[in-house]
């Protein structure tokens, strides 16, 4: 009754009708005011000093095939017990409970990574003589159907109550990662599980063949950029044996922190000074010729001279009066307007426009992926 009285009072002050329906009561429960008490964000780790992997939320770890994605996830899992692995630090004194849900590799490979790589890092730091199975709940579900994998995942989280759950890879929980409705439903289930059990759910997913850091596979990949708290990108340094991990997106922190590591003779990671030169080039390894760009859309004072665009002006011109454009149509319009010659470079421009929330991918009524221009905030 007290809540109903409060709603009556709020409606009266707003000069609105005071009929309170059950639906309105349900809506009011979701309202946040300046007096609403909400718990502080709790982060499980720090990456180069930046808090990351929050409880009750999602994290995406993306990368191309053989780009070091599972290796980075192994380092993360070791850090949950060990406390620090290279630039990763556990944010707390107590070891974390880890659930590793492997959908991709053979049972042999899963166990080898667990005992040799994760276990090797634990022995290296803590003089741990036996693997601490009581902290790790490792499941290999490669031979299960997508529905069985999803059902078992929820059961595992509910039963073992991990601090962090790593799903490598999340695409195997769906029959079709290009199905918009199925992808939306899966993401809602992930967010609900993370919030209900106050764990972090980290989803591993591959990049599209373009190799762009935020161009993840399928409609599911689009949601894995939009919905999670943060995105990490893993990649191999061009023509080398080193790997990079970049904290590409965070909802709260302005970060582009990067870790570069190599794999030592013992199979464990060591810091490396190699640089990922391929991240600044087009698909053929060449620097784009900026002298050919259409100067109407170039910001001469841009902090990043590799991406010196007036992004809002460029994409507004590309959309014209259109409310939504198909991916191919937008690509052609932007490349023509800006005089961009290489598609790989265009993907970098599009990624940055998405990061700045100038454009956003949306699902059309026919289930295809379109792009909309986000109004200025």
Protein backbone atom coordinates (compact mmCIF):
# COMPACT_ATOMS: atom_id res chain seq x y z
CA UNK A 1 0.00 0.00 0.00
CA UNK A 2 2.85 2.36 0.81
CA UNK A 3 4.27 2.00 -2.72
CA UNK A 4 0.82 2.69 -4.21
CA UNK A 5 0.54 5.86 -2.11
CA UNK A 6 3.96 6.99 -3.33
CA UNK A 7 2.92 6.46 -6.95
CA UNK A 8 -0.32 8.41 -6.34
CA UNK A 9 1.72 11.26 -4.88
CA UNK A 10 4.23 11.29 -7.76
CA UNK A 11 1.44 11.30 -10.34
CA UNK A 12 -0.42 14.05 -8.53
CA UNK A 13 2.69 16.26 -8.41
CA UNK A 14 3.16 15.72 -12.13
CA UNK A 15 -0.45 16.70 -12.79
CA UNK A 16 -1.25 13.30 -14.24
CA UNK A 17 -4.23 10.94 -13.71
CA UNK A 18 -3.86 9.03 -10.43
CA UNK A 19 -5.19 5.62 -11.52
CA UNK A 20 -2.63 3.05 -10.41
CA UNK A 21 -2.67 -0.23 -12.30
CA UNK A 22 -0.66 -3.41 -11.56
CA UNK A 23 1.44 -2.63 -14.64
CA UNK A 24 2.24 0.82 -13.28
CA UNK A 25 3.29 -0.69 -9.96
CA UNK A 26 5.61 -3.04 -11.85
CA UNK A 27 7.05 -0.15 -13.86
CA UNK A 28 7.62 1.92 -10.72
CA UNK A 29 9.78 -0.84 -9.24
CA UNK A 30 12.29 -0.22 -12.02
CA UNK A 31 12.47 3.55 -11.42
CA UNK A 32 15.71 5.09 -10.20
CA UNK A 33 15.71 8.45 -8.40
CA UNK A 34 18.46 10.48 -6.77
CA UNK A 35 17.57 8.76 -3.48
CA UNK A 36 17.64 5.21 -4.84
CA UNK A 37 20.22 3.05 -3.08
CA UNK A 38 22.20 0.91 -5.51
CA UNK A 39 25.24 -1.21 -4.69
CA UNK A 40 28.67 -0.03 -5.80
CA UNK A 41 30.28 -1.76 -8.78
CA UNK A 42 32.59 -4.58 -7.72
CA UNK A 43 35.42 -5.51 -10.07
CA UNK A 44 37.22 -8.85 -9.95
CA UNK A 45 40.43 -7.83 -11.74
CA UNK A 46 42.56 -4.93 -12.92
CA UNK A 47 44.17 -4.76 -16.34
CA UNK A 48 47.20 -2.45 -16.37
CA UNK A 49 45.69 -0.84 -13.28
CA UNK A 50 42.18 -0.34 -14.74
CA UNK A 51 39.29 -2.11 -12.95
CA UNK A 52 37.60 -4.72 -15.14
CA UNK A 53 35.45 -7.87 -15.15
CA UNK A 54 32.61 -6.51 -12.94
CA UNK A 55 30.32 -8.75 -10.94
CA UNK A 56 26.75 -8.94 -12.20
CA UNK A 57 27.69 -7.99 -15.75
CA UNK A 58 29.13 -9.30 -19.01
CA UNK A 59 32.57 -9.06 -20.59
CA UNK A 60 33.46 -9.92 -24.19
CA UNK A 61 36.83 -11.36 -25.23
CA UNK A 62 37.20 -11.40 -29.01
CA UNK A 63 39.91 -12.32 -31.46
CA UNK A 64 40.67 -14.02 -34.76
CA UNK A 65 41.33 -17.74 -34.98
CA UNK A 66 44.72 -18.53 -33.40
CA UNK A 67 44.90 -14.96 -32.11
CA UNK A 68 45.53 -15.88 -28.47
CA UNK A 69 41.96 -15.62 -27.16
CA UNK A 70 41.99 -18.89 -25.20
CA UNK A 71 45.53 -18.19 -24.02
CA UNK A 72 44.42 -14.86 -22.53
CA UNK A 73 41.43 -16.56 -20.90
CA UNK A 74 43.84 -19.11 -19.42
CA UNK A 75 45.91 -16.28 -17.95
CA UNK A 76 42.74 -14.78 -16.50
CA UNK A 77 41.75 -18.07 -14.91
CA UNK A 78 45.21 -18.51 -13.41
CA UNK A 79 45.11 -14.96 -12.06
CA UNK A 80 41.88 -15.79 -10.20
CA UNK A 81 43.95 -18.05 -7.91
CA UNK A 82 47.47 -16.73 -8.29
CA UNK A 83 46.71 -13.02 -7.84
CA UNK A 84 48.79 -11.60 -10.70
CA UNK A 85 49.74 -12.68 -14.21
CA UNK A 86 51.69 -10.06 -16.19
CA UNK A 87 49.40 -6.98 -16.44
CA UNK A 88 46.41 -8.79 -14.88
CA UNK A 89 45.82 -8.45 -11.14
CA UNK A 90 43.10 -9.94 -9.00
CA UNK A 91 41.28 -7.16 -7.17
CA UNK A 92 41.07 -8.77 -3.74
CA UNK A 93 43.00 -11.03 -1.41
CA UNK A 94 40.87 -14.19 -1.66
CA UNK A 95 41.10 -16.60 -4.62
CA UNK A 96 38.11 -16.53 -6.95
CA UNK A 97 35.88 -19.44 -7.87
CA UNK A 98 36.12 -20.06 -11.65
CA UNK A 99 33.71 -21.85 -13.97
CA UNK A 100 35.25 -22.59 -17.38
CA UNK A 101 32.67 -23.74 -19.93
CA UNK A 102 34.50 -24.99 -23.01
CA UNK A 103 32.37 -25.56 -26.12
CA UNK A 104 35.13 -25.62 -28.74
CA UNK A 105 38.02 -27.92 -27.90
CA UNK A 106 38.44 -31.63 -27.28
CA UNK A 107 38.36 -32.98 -23.74
CA UNK A 108 42.08 -33.75 -24.06
CA UNK A 109 42.89 -30.16 -25.03
CA UNK A 110 40.73 -28.72 -22.25
CA UNK A 111 42.50 -30.82 -19.64
CA UNK A 112 45.94 -30.06 -21.08
CA UNK A 113 45.30 -26.32 -20.91
CA UNK A 114 43.95 -26.66 -17.39
CA UNK A 115 46.83 -28.71 -16.00
CA UNK A 116 49.80 -27.51 -18.07
CA UNK A 117 49.01 -23.85 -18.79
CA UNK A 118 46.83 -22.75 -15.88
CA UNK A 119 48.46 -25.23 -13.53
CA UNK A 120 51.90 -24.22 -14.78
CA UNK A 121 51.22 -20.59 -13.93
CA UNK A 122 50.04 -21.58 -10.45
CA UNK A 123 53.10 -23.73 -9.76
CA UNK A 124 55.35 -20.98 -11.13
CA UNK A 125 54.00 -18.43 -8.64
CA UNK A 126 52.65 -20.20 -5.59
CA UNK A 127 54.70 -23.39 -5.32
CA UNK A 128 51.37 -25.18 -5.73
CA UNK A 129 52.10 -28.89 -6.00
CA UNK A 130 48.57 -30.02 -6.85
CA UNK A 131 45.93 -28.40 -9.02
CA UNK A 132 43.32 -26.62 -6.82
CA UNK A 133 40.23 -28.34 -8.22
CA UNK A 134 38.16 -26.84 -5.41
CA UNK A 135 38.53 -23.39 -7.08
CA UNK A 136 37.97 -24.49 -10.68
CA UNK A 137 34.85 -26.04 -12.21
CA UNK A 138 35.78 -27.02 -15.75
CA UNK A 139 33.24 -28.47 -18.18
CA UNK A 140 33.72 -29.61 -21.76
CA UNK A 141 30.40 -29.62 -23.66
CA UNK A 142 31.61 -29.80 -27.25
CA UNK A 143 29.60 -32.97 -27.91
CA UNK A 144 26.31 -31.46 -26.65
CA UNK A 145 23.59 -29.70 -28.67
CA UNK A 146 23.28 -25.89 -28.42
CA UNK A 147 20.18 -26.25 -26.24
CA UNK A 148 21.87 -28.74 -23.93
CA UNK A 149 24.89 -26.44 -23.64
CA UNK A 150 22.71 -23.51 -22.61
CA UNK A 151 20.65 -25.56 -20.16
CA UNK A 152 23.76 -27.06 -18.56
CA UNK A 153 25.40 -23.63 -18.34
CA UNK A 154 22.56 -22.20 -16.27
CA UNK A 155 22.58 -25.30 -14.07
CA UNK A 156 26.35 -25.01 -13.57
CA UNK A 157 26.17 -21.34 -12.57
CA UNK A 158 23.25 -21.95 -10.22
CA UNK A 159 24.95 -24.97 -8.62
CA UNK A 160 28.58 -23.88 -8.28
CA UNK A 161 28.07 -20.10 -7.87
CA UNK A 162 31.31 -18.97 -9.54
CA UNK A 163 32.77 -15.49 -9.18
CA UNK A 164 33.58 -15.57 -12.89
CA UNK A 165 32.16 -17.82 -15.60
CA UNK A 166 34.09 -18.09 -18.86
CA UNK A 167 32.13 -19.32 -21.88
CA UNK A 168 34.56 -20.20 -24.67
CA UNK A 169 32.86 -19.84 -27.12
CA UNK A 170 29.42 -18.42 -26.71
CA UNK A 171 28.48 -18.85 -30.40
CA UNK A 172 28.09 -22.58 -29.76
CA UNK A 173 25.08 -21.91 -27.53
CA UNK A 174 23.04 -21.02 -30.64
CA UNK A 175 22.10 -22.90 -33.79
CA UNK A 176 22.45 -19.69 -35.84
CA UNK A 177 24.46 -16.68 -34.66
CA UNK A 178 22.80 -14.61 -37.42
CA UNK A 179 19.34 -15.10 -35.92
CA UNK A 180 18.42 -11.77 -34.35
CA UNK A 181 15.63 -13.04 -32.05
CA UNK A 182 17.70 -16.01 -30.81
CA UNK A 183 20.74 -13.78 -30.20
CA UNK A 184 18.67 -11.22 -28.29
CA UNK A 185 17.14 -13.97 -26.14
CA UNK A 186 20.55 -15.49 -25.39
CA UNK A 187 22.01 -12.13 -24.37
CA UNK A 188 19.04 -11.51 -22.09
CA UNK A 189 19.61 -14.89 -20.44
CA UNK A 190 23.31 -14.08 -19.96
CA UNK A 191 22.54 -10.70 -18.38
CA UNK A 192 19.88 -12.24 -16.13
CA UNK A 193 22.21 -15.02 -14.93
CA UNK A 194 25.05 -12.57 -14.26
CA UNK A 195 22.75 -10.30 -12.25
CA UNK A 196 20.94 -13.07 -10.39
CA UNK A 197 24.08 -14.89 -9.25
CA UNK A 198 26.30 -11.78 -9.06
CA UNK A 199 29.05 -13.28 -11.14
CA UNK A 200 30.89 -11.98 -14.16
CA UNK A 201 30.16 -13.88 -17.35
CA UNK A 202 32.94 -13.58 -19.90
CA UNK A 203 32.06 -14.62 -23.44
CA UNK A 204 34.70 -15.62 -25.97
CA UNK A 205 33.85 -15.09 -29.64
CA UNK A 206 35.71 -14.98 -32.96
CA UNK A 207 36.06 -11.97 -35.22
CA UNK A 208 34.74 -11.82 -38.75
CA UNK A 209 37.32 -12.41 -41.45
CA UNK A 210 37.83 -8.66 -41.86
CA UNK A 211 39.85 -8.84 -38.64
CA UNK A 212 38.50 -5.54 -37.29
CA UNK A 213 38.51 -5.42 -33.50
CA UNK A 214 34.79 -4.71 -33.06
CA UNK A 215 33.53 -6.63 -36.09
CA UNK A 216 32.44 -9.78 -34.28
CA UNK A 217 30.74 -12.71 -35.95
CA UNK A 218 27.02 -12.61 -36.69
CA UNK A 219 24.17 -10.75 -35.07
CA UNK A 220 25.31 -12.29 -31.78
CA UNK A 221 28.66 -10.55 -32.29
CA UNK A 222 26.91 -7.19 -32.72
CA UNK A 223 25.13 -7.66 -29.38
CA UNK A 224 28.39 -8.72 -27.72
CA UNK A 225 29.73 -5.25 -28.47
CA UNK A 226 26.55 -3.37 -27.46
CA UNK A 227 25.42 -5.15 -24.29
CA UNK A 228 28.50 -6.11 -22.23
CA UNK A 229 30.27 -3.77 -19.83
CA UNK A 230 33.55 -4.05 -21.75
CA UNK A 231 35.34 -5.67 -24.66
CA UNK A 232 38.87 -7.10 -24.81
CA UNK A 233 40.49 -7.89 -28.14
CA UNK A 234 43.21 -10.50 -28.64
CA UNK A 235 45.49 -10.68 -31.67
CA UNK A 236 48.78 -12.09 -32.89
CA UNK A 237 51.55 -9.64 -33.77
CA UNK A 238 52.13 -9.72 -37.51
CA UNK A 239 54.77 -12.23 -38.59
CA UNK A 240 55.75 -12.90 -35.00
CA UNK A 241 55.26 -15.20 -32.06
CA UNK A 242 53.95 -12.48 -29.76
CA UNK A 243 50.34 -11.65 -28.91
CA UNK A 244 48.49 -8.52 -27.85
CA UNK A 245 45.49 -7.99 -25.59
CA UNK A 246 43.73 -4.61 -25.81
CA UNK A 247 41.07 -3.29 -23.43
CA UNK A 248 39.10 -1.92 -26.38
CA UNK A 249 35.81 -0.75 -24.78
CA UNK A 250 34.69 0.02 -21.21
CA UNK A 251 31.42 1.64 -20.12
CA UNK A 252 33.10 3.54 -17.30
CA UNK A 253 36.80 3.88 -17.99
CA UNK A 254 38.53 5.59 -20.90
CA UNK A 255 41.04 2.89 -21.64
CA UNK A 256 43.07 1.55 -24.52
CA UNK A 257 45.47 -0.37 -22.28
CA UNK A 258 47.42 -3.04 -24.12
CA UNK A 259 49.44 -6.04 -23.04
CA UNK A 260 51.97 -7.64 -25.36
CA UNK A 261 53.30 -11.05 -24.42
CA UNK A 262 55.18 -13.98 -25.93
CA UNK A 263 55.14 -17.66 -25.02
CA UNK A 264 58.31 -18.89 -23.37
CA UNK A 265 60.01 -22.23 -23.84
CA UNK A 266 58.05 -23.60 -20.88
CA UNK A 267 54.75 -22.74 -22.58
CA UNK A 268 53.99 -19.88 -20.18
CA UNK A 269 53.53 -16.19 -21.05
CA UNK A 270 56.30 -13.59 -20.67
CA UNK A 271 56.20 -9.86 -21.33
CA UNK A 272 57.24 -8.84 -24.85
CA UNK A 273 58.25 -5.52 -26.39
CA UNK A 274 56.95 -6.47 -29.84
CA UNK A 275 54.42 -4.08 -31.35
CA UNK A 276 51.28 -4.97 -33.27
CA UNK A 277 52.19 -2.94 -36.35
CA UNK A 278 49.39 -4.57 -38.35
CA UNK A 279 46.77 -2.70 -36.31
CA UNK A 280 47.67 0.52 -38.09
CA UNK A 281 47.52 -0.77 -41.64
CA UNK A 282 44.92 -1.73 -44.18
CA UNK A 283 44.22 -5.32 -45.17
CA UNK A 284 47.29 -5.45 -47.44
CA UNK A 285 49.69 -4.18 -44.77
CA UNK A 286 49.97 -0.68 -46.29
CA UNK A 287 49.40 2.62 -44.54
CA UNK A 288 46.41 4.38 -46.19
CA UNK A 289 47.31 7.46 -48.24
CA UNK A 290 45.71 10.26 -46.23
CA UNK A 291 46.52 12.85 -48.90
CA UNK A 292 43.69 11.43 -51.01
CA UNK A 293 41.04 11.80 -48.31
CA UNK A 294 38.18 14.27 -48.90
CA UNK A 295 39.32 17.23 -46.80
CA UNK A 296 35.71 18.29 -46.19
CA UNK A 297 35.42 15.49 -43.63
CA UNK A 298 38.96 15.57 -42.19
CA UNK A 299 39.76 17.00 -38.75
CA UNK A 300 43.20 18.57 -39.05
CA UNK A 301 43.54 18.69 -35.25
CA UNK A 302 42.57 15.07 -34.65
CA UNK A 303 44.47 13.37 -31.83
CA UNK A 304 44.73 10.19 -33.92
CA UNK A 305 46.08 11.15 -37.33
CA UNK A 306 45.44 7.63 -38.56
CA UNK A 307 41.70 8.28 -38.10
CA UNK A 308 41.47 12.05 -38.63
CA UNK A 309 37.77 12.18 -39.40
CA UNK A 310 34.93 14.51 -38.49
CA UNK A 311 32.90 11.40 -37.75
CA UNK A 312 29.56 13.03 -37.03
CA UNK A 313 29.74 15.16 -40.18
CA UNK A 314 30.86 12.27 -42.38
CA UNK A 315 28.19 9.79 -41.28
CA UNK A 316 25.42 12.40 -41.24
CA UNK A 317 26.25 13.17 -44.87
CA UNK A 318 26.34 9.47 -45.71
CA UNK A 319 22.89 8.82 -44.23
CA UNK A 320 21.28 11.90 -45.78
CA UNK A 321 17.55 11.57 -45.13
CA UNK A 322 17.69 7.79 -44.54
CA UNK A 323 16.69 6.51 -41.11
CA UNK A 324 18.54 3.19 -41.59
CA UNK A 325 21.00 1.85 -44.14
CA UNK A 326 22.16 -1.64 -44.95
CA UNK A 327 25.79 -2.38 -44.11
CA UNK A 328 26.86 -2.55 -47.76
CA UNK A 329 25.00 0.63 -48.69
CA UNK A 330 26.56 2.58 -45.81
CA UNK A 331 30.00 1.23 -46.70
CA UNK A 332 29.71 2.43 -50.29
CA UNK A 333 28.38 5.87 -49.30
CA UNK A 334 31.09 6.55 -46.72
CA UNK A 335 33.91 5.31 -48.92
CA UNK A 336 32.68 7.46 -51.82
CA UNK A 337 32.20 10.60 -49.70
CA UNK A 338 35.49 10.31 -47.85
CA UNK A 339 37.44 8.92 -50.81
CA UNK A 340 38.53 5.87 -48.82
CA UNK A 341 40.07 3.26 -51.10
CA UNK A 342 40.56 0.23 -48.84
CA UNK A 343 37.66 -1.65 -47.24
CA UNK A 344 39.81 -2.76 -44.33
CA UNK A 345 40.48 0.87 -43.46
CA UNK A 346 36.77 1.70 -43.79
CA UNK A 347 36.03 -0.97 -41.16
CA UNK A 348 38.34 0.89 -38.76
CA UNK A 349 36.45 4.13 -39.45
CA UNK A 350 33.13 2.35 -38.82
CA UNK A 351 34.44 0.79 -35.59
CA UNK A 352 35.45 4.21 -34.28
CA UNK A 353 32.08 5.71 -35.25
CA UNK A 354 30.39 2.92 -33.28
CA UNK A 355 32.70 3.47 -30.32
CA UNK A 356 31.80 7.18 -30.32
CA UNK A 357 28.11 6.18 -30.47
CA UNK A 358 27.55 8.02 -33.75
CA UNK A 359 26.15 4.92 -35.45
CA UNK A 360 24.65 1.70 -34.11
CA UNK A 361 23.78 -1.63 -35.67
CA UNK A 362 20.12 -2.64 -35.42
CA UNK A 363 18.02 -5.60 -36.54
CA UNK A 364 15.54 -4.89 -39.35
CA UNK A 365 12.02 -6.32 -39.47
CA UNK A 366 13.23 -8.96 -41.91
CA UNK A 367 16.00 -10.10 -39.55
CA UNK A 368 18.86 -8.43 -41.44
CA UNK A 369 21.53 -6.21 -39.93
CA UNK A 370 21.13 -2.49 -40.60
CA UNK A 371 22.87 0.63 -39.27
CA UNK A 372 21.20 3.72 -37.82
CA UNK A 373 22.57 7.22 -37.15
CA UNK A 374 22.42 7.90 -33.42
CA UNK A 375 21.12 11.43 -32.61
CA UNK A 376 23.59 13.71 -30.77
CA UNK A 377 23.15 13.47 -27.00
